[in-house]
Protein backbone atom coordinates (compact mmCIF):
# COMPACT_ATOMS: atom_id res chain seq x y z
CA MET A 1 -140.63 7.77 -20.32
CA ALA A 2 -141.85 6.04 -17.19
CA ILE A 3 -142.58 2.41 -17.42
CA SER A 4 -146.16 2.03 -15.82
CA VAL A 5 -146.99 -0.60 -13.38
CA LYS A 6 -149.76 -1.61 -16.02
CA THR A 7 -147.10 -2.92 -18.37
CA PHE A 8 -145.90 -5.91 -16.54
CA PRO A 9 -147.99 -9.20 -16.04
CA LYS A 10 -150.20 -9.44 -12.98
CA GLY A 11 -149.12 -12.52 -11.05
CA GLN A 12 -150.04 -14.32 -7.69
CA PRO A 13 -147.68 -13.18 -4.81
CA VAL A 14 -145.17 -16.07 -3.81
CA SER A 15 -143.31 -16.83 -0.53
CA TYR A 16 -140.06 -15.44 -0.11
CA ASP A 17 -138.42 -19.21 -0.37
CA THR A 18 -140.13 -19.50 -3.31
CA PHE A 19 -139.23 -16.30 -4.90
CA ARG A 20 -135.81 -16.86 -4.00
CA GLN A 21 -135.35 -20.22 -5.75
CA GLN A 22 -136.65 -18.42 -9.09
CA ILE A 23 -134.33 -15.31 -9.17
CA GLN A 24 -130.87 -16.00 -11.06
CA THR A 25 -127.90 -13.48 -11.56
CA GLY A 26 -128.68 -10.60 -13.94
CA ASP A 27 -132.49 -10.56 -13.02
CA ILE A 28 -133.29 -6.82 -12.57
CA MET A 29 -135.55 -5.44 -9.65
CA LEU A 30 -137.68 -2.87 -9.83
CA CYS A 31 -139.06 -1.46 -6.48
CA SER A 32 -141.37 1.16 -5.15
CA GLY A 33 -140.69 2.59 -1.69
CA SER A 34 -142.52 4.44 0.68
CA GLY A 35 -140.17 7.01 2.33
CA TRP A 36 -139.90 10.27 1.36
CA PHE A 37 -137.05 10.08 -0.77
CA SER A 38 -138.42 7.37 -2.50
CA LYS A 39 -141.61 9.60 -3.27
CA MET A 40 -139.53 12.42 -4.45
CA ILE A 41 -138.06 9.97 -7.29
CA GLN A 42 -141.13 8.88 -7.78
CA GLY A 43 -142.79 12.25 -8.17
CA SER A 44 -139.85 13.70 -10.43
CA THR A 45 -139.46 10.66 -12.89
CA GLU A 46 -143.31 10.23 -12.68
CA SER A 47 -143.05 6.49 -11.95
CA VAL A 48 -144.19 4.23 -9.61
CA TRP A 49 -140.78 2.89 -9.52
CA SER A 50 -138.14 4.66 -7.03
CA HIS A 51 -135.01 2.20 -6.79
CA VAL A 52 -133.72 -0.59 -8.93
CA GLY A 53 -131.79 -3.62 -8.21
CA PHE A 54 -129.93 -6.47 -9.66
CA VAL A 55 -129.55 -10.06 -8.49
CA MET A 56 -126.10 -11.69 -7.92
CA ARG A 57 -126.48 -15.26 -6.82
CA LEU A 58 -123.72 -16.95 -4.74
CA ASP A 59 -124.76 -20.64 -4.79
CA ALA A 60 -121.41 -21.82 -3.04
CA ILE A 61 -122.21 -19.93 -0.01
CA ASP A 62 -125.88 -20.08 -0.33
CA PRO A 63 -127.59 -16.39 -0.05
CA SER A 64 -128.65 -14.40 -3.13
CA TRP A 65 -127.88 -10.86 -3.24
CA CYS A 66 -129.65 -7.72 -4.73
CA TRP A 67 -127.61 -4.76 -5.40
CA LYS A 68 -128.40 -1.35 -5.71
CA ALA A 69 -127.22 1.85 -7.13
CA SER A 70 -126.45 4.24 -3.99
CA SER A 71 -125.53 7.84 -4.29
CA ARG A 72 -122.97 7.74 -1.41
CA TRP A 73 -121.53 3.97 -2.35
CA GLY A 74 -122.09 3.99 -5.78
CA CYS A 75 -123.14 0.18 -5.56
CA ALA A 76 -124.29 -1.39 -2.28
CA PRO A 77 -126.31 -4.28 -1.10
CA CYS A 78 -129.87 -4.05 -0.75
CA HIS A 79 -131.18 -4.78 2.65
């Protein structure tokens, strides 16, 4: 069963800097792409979401990473 976007609470958009300070290792990110492959995933799963990723914070070297499942690489950093 697909998860509807209506299931999630509505909130105001925040800046990337604010968002980046709030995310934590293990957070799950649901994404909705606009490319043809994303649309194919959305259509076949009857969902607004086409990708999922998880956050890994590396505070010692500053950046936060979002990793996604990849059919080619298994697990790859999001761009």
